[in-house]
Amino acid sequence: MRSLLMLAILAFLPDISTAGPSSFTTGPVIEDYGPAADVDVTLPIPEGAEFRHSFDVSTPAEDGEANRSLVSAARFINMHARAGIDPNRISVAVVVHGKAVFDVSGDAPGNAALVAALLDNGARIIVCGQTAAYYDVATDDLLPGVEMAVSAMTAHALLQQQGYTLNPF
């Protein structure tokens, strides 16, 4: 009986079978990273909205892969640009600590092009100096454009003072 009720309910729901992984594409700002899907929203973004958003990254990428949190930062930019927000009104900062420091230093296989694309589109990538000291990573070891802060805590405090919200996941 419960199965019949569920089938009856499903018959009245909109067809969402066309959604899925293939509906995620990159762009329009960062062409090769940050896949997002177009969504029929019921919570509109107010006219003139400005986003100042930070990401906290400590989990390193899988071998040869792009760091998932760096990809999320690109996704944040792309999905809001698709939603009609002028990319000049989207500010993203990525604070990196823990073993993820290796994703933004050295040759960073799988991440160097993504880091460059983020930086080219106005994102800031900031490394925790305490992490860098612990892992013996010098400022000169960072990919071009990546910043070094006293600590991740310092970077987050300064970003919060500048109006950045912290990504909760």
N, C-alpha and C. Protein backbone atom coordinates (compact mmCIF):
# COMPACT_ATOMS: atom_id res chain seq x y z
N MET A 1 0.82 -1.18 0.00
CA MET A 1 0.00 0.00 0.00
C MET A 1 0.87 1.25 0.00
N ARG A 2 1.90 1.24 0.84
CA ARG A 2 2.81 2.38 0.91
C ARG A 2 3.49 2.63 -0.43
N SER A 3 3.86 1.56 -1.13
CA SER A 3 4.50 1.70 -2.44
C SER A 3 3.57 2.37 -3.44
N LEU A 4 2.29 2.02 -3.42
CA LEU A 4 1.32 2.63 -4.33
C LEU A 4 1.16 4.11 -4.02
N LEU A 5 1.16 4.46 -2.74
CA LEU A 5 1.05 5.85 -2.34
C LEU A 5 2.25 6.64 -2.84
N MET A 6 3.43 6.07 -2.70
CA MET A 6 4.65 6.74 -3.17
C MET A 6 4.61 6.93 -4.68
N LEU A 7 4.16 5.93 -5.41
CA LEU A 7 4.06 6.06 -6.86
C LEU A 7 3.07 7.15 -7.25
N ALA A 8 1.97 7.24 -6.53
CA ALA A 8 0.98 8.28 -6.81
C ALA A 8 1.56 9.66 -6.56
N ILE A 9 2.31 9.81 -5.47
CA ILE A 9 2.94 11.10 -5.16
C ILE A 9 3.97 11.45 -6.22
N LEU A 10 4.79 10.49 -6.60
CA LEU A 10 5.83 10.73 -7.60
C LEU A 10 5.24 11.12 -8.95
N ALA A 11 4.05 10.65 -9.26
CA ALA A 11 3.42 10.98 -10.54
C ALA A 11 3.14 12.47 -10.65
N PHE A 12 2.98 13.16 -9.52
CA PHE A 12 2.66 14.58 -9.53
C PHE A 12 3.88 15.47 -9.36
N LEU A 13 5.04 14.90 -9.12
CA LEU A 13 6.26 15.68 -8.99
C LEU A 13 6.82 16.00 -10.36
N PRO A 14 7.53 17.15 -10.49
CA PRO A 14 8.13 17.46 -11.79
C PRO A 14 9.20 16.43 -12.16
N ASP A 15 9.38 16.25 -13.44
CA ASP A 15 10.38 15.30 -13.93
C ASP A 15 11.77 15.87 -13.72
N ILE A 16 12.54 15.23 -12.83
CA ILE A 16 13.90 15.70 -12.58
C ILE A 16 14.92 14.71 -13.15
N SER A 17 14.46 13.83 -14.00
CA SER A 17 15.34 12.80 -14.53
C SER A 17 16.42 13.37 -15.44
N THR A 18 16.27 14.60 -15.91
CA THR A 18 17.28 15.18 -16.78
C THR A 18 18.44 15.76 -16.00
N ALA A 19 18.30 15.83 -14.68
CA ALA A 19 19.40 16.33 -13.85
C ALA A 19 20.40 15.21 -13.60
N GLY A 20 21.56 15.58 -13.17
CA GLY A 20 22.58 14.59 -12.86
C GLY A 20 23.95 15.15 -13.14
N PRO A 21 24.96 14.32 -13.01
CA PRO A 21 26.34 14.80 -13.19
C PRO A 21 26.58 15.50 -14.53
N SER A 22 25.88 15.08 -15.58
CA SER A 22 26.13 15.69 -16.90
C SER A 22 25.62 17.13 -16.97
N SER A 23 24.80 17.55 -16.00
CA SER A 23 24.29 18.92 -16.02
C SER A 23 25.29 19.91 -15.42
N PHE A 24 26.41 19.43 -14.91
CA PHE A 24 27.45 20.29 -14.35
C PHE A 24 28.49 20.62 -15.41
N THR A 25 28.68 21.90 -15.64
CA THR A 25 29.69 22.36 -16.59
C THR A 25 30.49 23.49 -15.98
N THR A 26 31.64 23.75 -16.54
CA THR A 26 32.50 24.83 -16.03
C THR A 26 32.18 26.15 -16.72
N GLY A 27 32.81 27.20 -16.22
CA GLY A 27 32.59 28.53 -16.77
C GLY A 27 31.41 29.19 -16.11
N PRO A 28 31.17 30.42 -16.37
CA PRO A 28 31.69 31.25 -17.44
C PRO A 28 32.96 32.01 -17.09
N VAL A 29 33.37 32.01 -15.83
CA VAL A 29 34.54 32.79 -15.44
C VAL A 29 35.80 31.94 -15.49
N ILE A 30 35.78 30.83 -14.79
CA ILE A 30 36.93 29.91 -14.76
C ILE A 30 36.55 28.72 -15.62
N GLU A 31 37.06 28.72 -16.83
CA GLU A 31 36.60 27.79 -17.87
C GLU A 31 36.90 26.32 -17.62
N ASP A 32 38.00 25.99 -17.01
CA ASP A 32 38.38 24.59 -16.90
C ASP A 32 38.14 23.98 -15.52
N TYR A 33 37.62 24.76 -14.58
CA TYR A 33 37.45 24.29 -13.20
C TYR A 33 36.14 24.84 -12.63
N GLY A 34 35.70 24.22 -11.54
CA GLY A 34 34.53 24.72 -10.84
C GLY A 34 33.21 24.41 -11.50
N PRO A 35 32.95 23.13 -11.81
CA PRO A 35 31.69 22.79 -12.47
C PRO A 35 30.50 23.11 -11.57
N ALA A 36 29.46 23.64 -12.19
CA ALA A 36 28.22 23.97 -11.49
C ALA A 36 27.05 23.67 -12.41
N ALA A 37 25.89 23.51 -11.81
CA ALA A 37 24.66 23.28 -12.58
C ALA A 37 23.78 24.52 -12.49
N ASP A 38 23.03 24.77 -13.53
CA ASP A 38 22.04 25.83 -13.50
C ASP A 38 20.84 25.32 -12.69
N VAL A 39 20.28 26.19 -11.87
CA VAL A 39 19.23 25.79 -10.94
C VAL A 39 18.05 26.75 -11.05
N ASP A 40 16.86 26.21 -11.01
CA ASP A 40 15.63 27.01 -10.97
C ASP A 40 15.42 27.37 -9.49
N VAL A 41 15.86 28.56 -9.10
CA VAL A 41 15.88 28.93 -7.68
C VAL A 41 14.56 29.51 -7.21
N THR A 42 14.30 29.35 -5.92
CA THR A 42 13.17 30.00 -5.27
C THR A 42 13.65 31.00 -4.22
N LEU A 43 14.95 31.05 -3.99
CA LEU A 43 15.57 32.04 -3.10
C LEU A 43 16.43 32.94 -3.99
N PRO A 44 15.85 34.02 -4.50
CA PRO A 44 16.60 34.86 -5.44
C PRO A 44 17.73 35.62 -4.75
N ILE A 45 18.76 35.91 -5.51
CA ILE A 45 19.86 36.73 -5.02
C ILE A 45 19.46 38.19 -5.21
N PRO A 46 19.49 38.98 -4.15
CA PRO A 46 19.05 40.38 -4.27
C PRO A 46 19.90 41.17 -5.27
N GLU A 47 19.25 42.10 -5.94
CA GLU A 47 19.94 43.00 -6.87
C GLU A 47 21.07 43.71 -6.13
N GLY A 48 22.23 43.78 -6.74
CA GLY A 48 23.36 44.48 -6.14
C GLY A 48 24.12 43.68 -5.09
N ALA A 49 23.76 42.39 -4.93
CA ALA A 49 24.46 41.57 -3.93
C ALA A 49 25.94 41.50 -4.24
N GLU A 50 26.72 41.46 -3.20
CA GLU A 50 28.17 41.32 -3.32
C GLU A 50 28.58 40.17 -2.42
N PHE A 51 29.44 39.31 -2.93
CA PHE A 51 29.92 38.17 -2.17
C PHE A 51 31.39 38.33 -1.83
N ARG A 52 31.69 38.21 -0.55
CA ARG A 52 33.06 38.17 -0.04
C ARG A 52 33.11 36.91 0.82
N HIS A 53 33.70 35.86 0.26
CA HIS A 53 33.58 34.53 0.85
C HIS A 53 34.95 33.88 0.97
N SER A 54 35.18 33.22 2.10
CA SER A 54 36.47 32.55 2.29
C SER A 54 36.27 31.06 2.51
N PHE A 55 37.28 30.33 2.12
CA PHE A 55 37.31 28.88 2.26
C PHE A 55 38.51 28.51 3.13
N ASP A 56 38.31 27.56 4.03
CA ASP A 56 39.38 27.05 4.87
C ASP A 56 39.78 25.68 4.34
N VAL A 57 41.04 25.52 3.97
CA VAL A 57 41.49 24.30 3.30
C VAL A 57 42.64 23.67 4.08
N SER A 58 42.42 22.45 4.55
CA SER A 58 43.50 21.73 5.22
C SER A 58 43.68 20.32 4.65
N THR A 59 42.69 19.82 3.96
CA THR A 59 42.78 18.48 3.38
C THR A 59 43.48 18.55 2.03
N PRO A 60 44.56 17.80 1.87
CA PRO A 60 45.28 17.84 0.58
C PRO A 60 44.53 17.10 -0.51
N ALA A 61 44.92 17.38 -1.73
CA ALA A 61 44.34 16.71 -2.90
C ALA A 61 44.80 15.26 -2.95
N GLU A 62 44.02 14.45 -3.60
CA GLU A 62 44.44 13.09 -3.92
C GLU A 62 45.58 13.19 -4.93
N ASP A 63 46.44 12.21 -4.98
CA ASP A 63 47.59 12.25 -5.90
C ASP A 63 47.16 12.56 -7.33
N GLY A 64 47.76 13.60 -7.91
CA GLY A 64 47.52 13.97 -9.29
C GLY A 64 46.18 14.65 -9.54
N GLU A 65 45.39 14.86 -8.51
CA GLU A 65 44.07 15.49 -8.64
C GLU A 65 44.14 16.94 -8.19
N ALA A 66 43.15 17.72 -8.59
CA ALA A 66 43.02 19.09 -8.10
C ALA A 66 42.43 19.03 -6.69
N ASN A 67 42.86 19.94 -5.84
CA ASN A 67 42.33 20.02 -4.48
C ASN A 67 40.84 20.36 -4.54
N ARG A 68 40.02 19.56 -3.89
CA ARG A 68 38.56 19.71 -3.96
C ARG A 68 38.10 21.07 -3.43
N SER A 69 38.78 21.59 -2.43
CA SER A 69 38.38 22.89 -1.88
C SER A 69 38.75 24.02 -2.83
N LEU A 70 39.86 23.89 -3.55
CA LEU A 70 40.20 24.89 -4.56
C LEU A 70 39.19 24.84 -5.70
N VAL A 71 38.75 23.64 -6.05
CA VAL A 71 37.71 23.49 -7.08
C VAL A 71 36.42 24.13 -6.59
N SER A 72 36.10 23.97 -5.31
CA SER A 72 34.90 24.59 -4.74
C SER A 72 34.96 26.11 -4.83
N ALA A 73 36.13 26.68 -4.62
CA ALA A 73 36.28 28.13 -4.75
C ALA A 73 35.99 28.57 -6.18
N ALA A 74 36.48 27.81 -7.15
CA ALA A 74 36.19 28.11 -8.56
C ALA A 74 34.70 27.94 -8.84
N ARG A 75 34.09 26.92 -8.25
CA ARG A 75 32.65 26.68 -8.42
C ARG A 75 31.86 27.86 -7.86
N PHE A 76 32.26 28.38 -6.71
CA PHE A 76 31.57 29.51 -6.10
C PHE A 76 31.54 30.70 -7.07
N ILE A 77 32.68 30.96 -7.69
CA ILE A 77 32.76 32.07 -8.65
C ILE A 77 31.87 31.78 -9.86
N ASN A 78 32.01 30.60 -10.44
CA ASN A 78 31.25 30.26 -11.65
C ASN A 78 29.74 30.26 -11.42
N MET A 79 29.29 29.63 -10.33
CA MET A 79 27.85 29.50 -10.15
C MET A 79 27.19 30.84 -9.88
N HIS A 80 27.89 31.74 -9.20
CA HIS A 80 27.29 33.05 -8.95
C HIS A 80 27.34 33.94 -10.20
N ALA A 81 28.37 33.78 -10.99
CA ALA A 81 28.40 34.52 -12.26
C ALA A 81 27.26 34.04 -13.16
N ARG A 82 27.01 32.74 -13.19
CA ARG A 82 25.89 32.20 -13.96
C ARG A 82 24.55 32.71 -13.46
N ALA A 83 24.50 32.97 -12.16
CA ALA A 83 23.26 33.45 -11.55
C ALA A 83 23.06 34.95 -11.76
N GLY A 84 23.98 35.56 -12.51
CA GLY A 84 23.82 36.97 -12.86
C GLY A 84 24.61 37.95 -12.02
N ILE A 85 25.46 37.46 -11.14
CA ILE A 85 26.29 38.35 -10.33
C ILE A 85 27.51 38.75 -11.14
N ASP A 86 27.77 40.03 -11.22
CA ASP A 86 28.97 40.53 -11.91
C ASP A 86 30.19 39.95 -11.21
N PRO A 87 31.09 39.30 -11.94
CA PRO A 87 32.28 38.71 -11.31
C PRO A 87 33.10 39.72 -10.50
N ASN A 88 32.98 41.00 -10.82
CA ASN A 88 33.68 42.02 -10.03
C ASN A 88 33.06 42.19 -8.64
N ARG A 89 31.89 41.59 -8.41
CA ARG A 89 31.22 41.66 -7.11
C ARG A 89 31.37 40.35 -6.34
N ILE A 90 32.27 39.48 -6.83
CA ILE A 90 32.53 38.19 -6.18
C ILE A 90 33.99 38.17 -5.75
N SER A 91 34.22 38.18 -4.45
CA SER A 91 35.58 38.12 -3.91
C SER A 91 35.74 36.81 -3.14
N VAL A 92 36.75 36.06 -3.50
CA VAL A 92 36.99 34.77 -2.88
C VAL A 92 38.41 34.75 -2.31
N ALA A 93 38.52 34.19 -1.10
CA ALA A 93 39.83 33.98 -0.49
C ALA A 93 39.89 32.52 -0.02
N VAL A 94 41.04 31.92 -0.18
CA VAL A 94 41.26 30.54 0.24
C VAL A 94 42.41 30.54 1.23
N VAL A 95 42.13 30.10 2.46
CA VAL A 95 43.16 30.03 3.50
C VAL A 95 43.60 28.58 3.61
N VAL A 96 44.89 28.35 3.38
CA VAL A 96 45.43 27.00 3.28
C VAL A 96 46.33 26.70 4.47
N HIS A 97 46.09 25.56 5.10
CA HIS A 97 46.95 25.10 6.20
C HIS A 97 46.99 23.58 6.18
N GLY A 98 47.73 23.01 7.09
CA GLY A 98 47.88 21.56 7.11
C GLY A 98 48.60 21.08 5.86
N LYS A 99 48.45 19.79 5.57
CA LYS A 99 49.16 19.21 4.43
C LYS A 99 48.71 19.77 3.08
N ALA A 100 47.60 20.52 3.06
CA ALA A 100 47.17 21.16 1.82
C ALA A 100 48.17 22.21 1.36
N VAL A 101 49.09 22.61 2.23
CA VAL A 101 50.11 23.59 1.83
C VAL A 101 50.90 23.10 0.61
N PHE A 102 51.03 21.78 0.47
CA PHE A 102 51.77 21.24 -0.66
C PHE A 102 51.00 21.37 -1.98
N ASP A 103 49.70 21.67 -1.90
CA ASP A 103 48.89 21.88 -3.11
C ASP A 103 49.08 23.27 -3.70
N VAL A 104 49.72 24.17 -2.96
CA VAL A 104 49.95 25.53 -3.45
C VAL A 104 51.43 25.90 -3.41
N SER A 105 52.28 24.89 -3.34
CA SER A 105 53.73 25.13 -3.32
C SER A 105 54.42 24.15 -4.26
N GLY A 106 55.67 24.42 -4.55
CA GLY A 106 56.41 23.56 -5.46
C GLY A 106 55.76 23.52 -6.82
N ASP A 107 55.77 22.37 -7.44
CA ASP A 107 55.13 22.27 -8.75
C ASP A 107 53.65 21.91 -8.62
N ALA A 108 53.20 21.53 -7.42
CA ALA A 108 51.80 21.25 -7.10
C ALA A 108 51.07 20.55 -8.25
N PRO A 109 51.47 19.32 -8.58
CA PRO A 109 50.82 18.63 -9.69
C PRO A 109 49.31 18.58 -9.50
N GLY A 110 48.58 18.91 -10.53
CA GLY A 110 47.13 18.91 -10.46
C GLY A 110 46.52 20.19 -9.92
N ASN A 111 47.35 21.09 -9.38
CA ASN A 111 46.81 22.30 -8.77
C ASN A 111 47.36 23.61 -9.33
N ALA A 112 48.53 23.57 -9.94
CA ALA A 112 49.17 24.82 -10.39
C ALA A 112 48.29 25.60 -11.36
N ALA A 113 47.68 24.93 -12.32
CA ALA A 113 46.83 25.63 -13.28
C ALA A 113 45.57 26.18 -12.62
N LEU A 114 45.01 25.41 -11.69
CA LEU A 114 43.82 25.87 -10.96
C LEU A 114 44.16 27.07 -10.09
N VAL A 115 45.27 27.03 -9.39
CA VAL A 115 45.70 28.16 -8.57
C VAL A 115 45.87 29.40 -9.45
N ALA A 116 46.53 29.25 -10.59
CA ALA A 116 46.73 30.37 -11.51
C ALA A 116 45.39 30.92 -12.00
N ALA A 117 44.45 30.04 -12.33
CA ALA A 117 43.13 30.48 -12.81
C ALA A 117 42.38 31.24 -11.72
N LEU A 118 42.45 30.76 -10.49
CA LEU A 118 41.80 31.47 -9.38
C LEU A 118 42.42 32.85 -9.19
N LEU A 119 43.75 32.89 -9.15
CA LEU A 119 44.44 34.17 -8.94
C LEU A 119 44.17 35.13 -10.10
N ASP A 120 44.15 34.62 -11.32
CA ASP A 120 43.87 35.46 -12.49
C ASP A 120 42.47 36.06 -12.45
N ASN A 121 41.58 35.44 -11.68
CA ASN A 121 40.21 35.92 -11.58
C ASN A 121 39.92 36.57 -10.23
N GLY A 122 40.97 37.09 -9.60
CA GLY A 122 40.81 37.91 -8.41
C GLY A 122 40.78 37.21 -7.08
N ALA A 123 40.86 35.89 -7.06
CA ALA A 123 40.86 35.19 -5.78
C ALA A 123 42.20 35.40 -5.07
N ARG A 124 42.15 35.32 -3.76
CA ARG A 124 43.37 35.35 -2.96
C ARG A 124 43.58 33.96 -2.38
N ILE A 125 44.82 33.51 -2.38
CA ILE A 125 45.16 32.24 -1.75
C ILE A 125 46.23 32.55 -0.72
N ILE A 126 45.92 32.23 0.53
CA ILE A 126 46.76 32.63 1.65
C ILE A 126 47.18 31.40 2.45
N VAL A 127 48.47 31.24 2.65
CA VAL A 127 49.01 30.09 3.37
C VAL A 127 49.26 30.47 4.83
N CYS A 128 48.99 29.53 5.70
CA CYS A 128 49.29 29.65 7.13
C CYS A 128 50.80 29.57 7.33
N GLY A 129 51.39 30.62 7.84
CA GLY A 129 52.83 30.63 8.07
C GLY A 129 53.29 29.59 9.09
N GLN A 130 52.44 29.28 10.06
CA GLN A 130 52.79 28.27 11.06
C GLN A 130 52.87 26.89 10.42
N THR A 131 51.93 26.60 9.55
CA THR A 131 51.97 25.35 8.79
C THR A 131 53.22 25.31 7.91
N ALA A 132 53.48 26.41 7.23
CA ALA A 132 54.64 26.46 6.34
C ALA A 132 55.92 26.20 7.12
N ALA A 133 56.03 26.81 8.29
CA ALA A 133 57.22 26.60 9.12
C ALA A 133 57.32 25.14 9.55
N TYR A 134 56.20 24.56 9.94
CA TYR A 134 56.18 23.17 10.39
C TYR A 134 56.64 22.22 9.29
N TYR A 135 56.17 22.47 8.06
CA TYR A 135 56.51 21.59 6.94
C TYR A 135 57.71 22.08 6.14
N ASP A 136 58.40 23.08 6.67
CA ASP A 136 59.61 23.62 6.03
C ASP A 136 59.34 24.11 4.61
N VAL A 137 58.25 24.86 4.45
CA VAL A 137 57.88 25.46 3.17
C VAL A 137 58.16 26.96 3.29
N ALA A 138 59.06 27.46 2.47
CA ALA A 138 59.42 28.88 2.50
C ALA A 138 58.48 29.68 1.58
N THR A 139 58.41 30.97 1.82
CA THR A 139 57.59 31.84 0.97
C THR A 139 57.97 31.68 -0.49
N ASP A 140 59.26 31.53 -0.77
CA ASP A 140 59.73 31.34 -2.15
C ASP A 140 59.28 30.02 -2.77
N ASP A 141 58.85 29.08 -1.93
CA ASP A 141 58.38 27.79 -2.43
C ASP A 141 56.93 27.84 -2.92
N LEU A 142 56.21 28.91 -2.57
CA LEU A 142 54.79 29.01 -2.93
C LEU A 142 54.64 29.29 -4.42
N LEU A 143 53.53 28.82 -4.98
CA LEU A 143 53.23 29.13 -6.37
C LEU A 143 53.11 30.64 -6.53
N PRO A 144 53.43 31.18 -7.69
CA PRO A 144 53.36 32.63 -7.91
C PRO A 144 51.99 33.19 -7.54
N GLY A 145 52.00 34.25 -6.75
CA GLY A 145 50.77 34.93 -6.36
C GLY A 145 50.17 34.46 -5.05
N VAL A 146 50.60 33.32 -4.54
CA VAL A 146 50.10 32.81 -3.27
C VAL A 146 50.76 33.61 -2.14
N GLU A 147 49.94 34.03 -1.18
CA GLU A 147 50.41 34.87 -0.08
C GLU A 147 50.75 34.03 1.16
N MET A 148 51.60 34.58 2.03
CA MET A 148 51.96 33.92 3.29
C MET A 148 51.51 34.83 4.43
N ALA A 149 50.71 34.28 5.35
CA ALA A 149 50.26 35.01 6.54
C ALA A 149 51.00 34.48 7.76
N VAL A 150 50.90 35.20 8.85
CA VAL A 150 51.49 34.73 10.11
C VAL A 150 50.89 33.38 10.47
N SER A 151 49.58 33.26 10.30
CA SER A 151 48.89 32.01 10.59
C SER A 151 47.57 31.98 9.84
N ALA A 152 46.94 30.82 9.81
CA ALA A 152 45.60 30.72 9.23
C ALA A 152 44.61 31.50 10.09
N MET A 153 44.81 31.46 11.40
CA MET A 153 43.92 32.21 12.29
C MET A 153 44.00 33.70 12.00
N THR A 154 45.22 34.19 11.76
CA THR A 154 45.41 35.61 11.42
C THR A 154 44.70 35.94 10.11
N ALA A 155 44.89 35.09 9.11
CA ALA A 155 44.26 35.33 7.80
C ALA A 155 42.75 35.38 7.93
N HIS A 156 42.17 34.42 8.65
CA HIS A 156 40.71 34.40 8.82
C HIS A 156 40.22 35.63 9.59
N ALA A 157 40.95 36.04 10.62
CA ALA A 157 40.54 37.23 11.39
C ALA A 157 40.56 38.47 10.50
N LEU A 158 41.61 38.62 9.71
CA LEU A 158 41.70 39.79 8.82
C LEU A 158 40.63 39.76 7.75
N LEU A 159 40.39 38.59 7.17
CA LEU A 159 39.34 38.47 6.15
C LEU A 159 37.97 38.78 6.74
N GLN A 160 37.72 38.31 7.97
CA GLN A 160 36.43 38.59 8.60
C GLN A 160 36.26 40.09 8.82
N GLN A 161 37.34 40.76 9.21
CA GLN A 161 37.28 42.21 9.39
C GLN A 161 37.01 42.93 8.06
N GLN A 162 37.36 42.28 6.95
CA GLN A 162 37.13 42.85 5.62
C GLN A 162 35.77 42.45 5.05
N GLY A 163 34.95 41.79 5.86
CA GLY A 163 33.60 41.44 5.44
C GLY A 163 33.45 40.09 4.78
N TYR A 164 34.45 39.23 4.83
CA TYR A 164 34.35 37.89 4.25
C TYR A 164 33.56 36.98 5.18
N THR A 165 32.70 36.14 4.60
CA THR A 165 32.05 35.10 5.36
C THR A 165 32.82 33.80 5.15
N LEU A 166 32.79 32.92 6.12
CA LEU A 166 33.54 31.66 6.03
C LEU A 166 32.62 30.56 5.53
N ASN A 167 33.06 29.84 4.51
CA ASN A 167 32.30 28.71 3.99
C ASN A 167 32.12 27.69 5.11
N PRO A 168 30.89 27.28 5.42
CA PRO A 168 30.67 26.40 6.57
C PRO A 168 30.97 24.92 6.34
N PHE A 169 31.36 24.53 5.13
CA PHE A 169 31.65 23.12 4.89
C PHE A 169 32.75 22.97 3.89
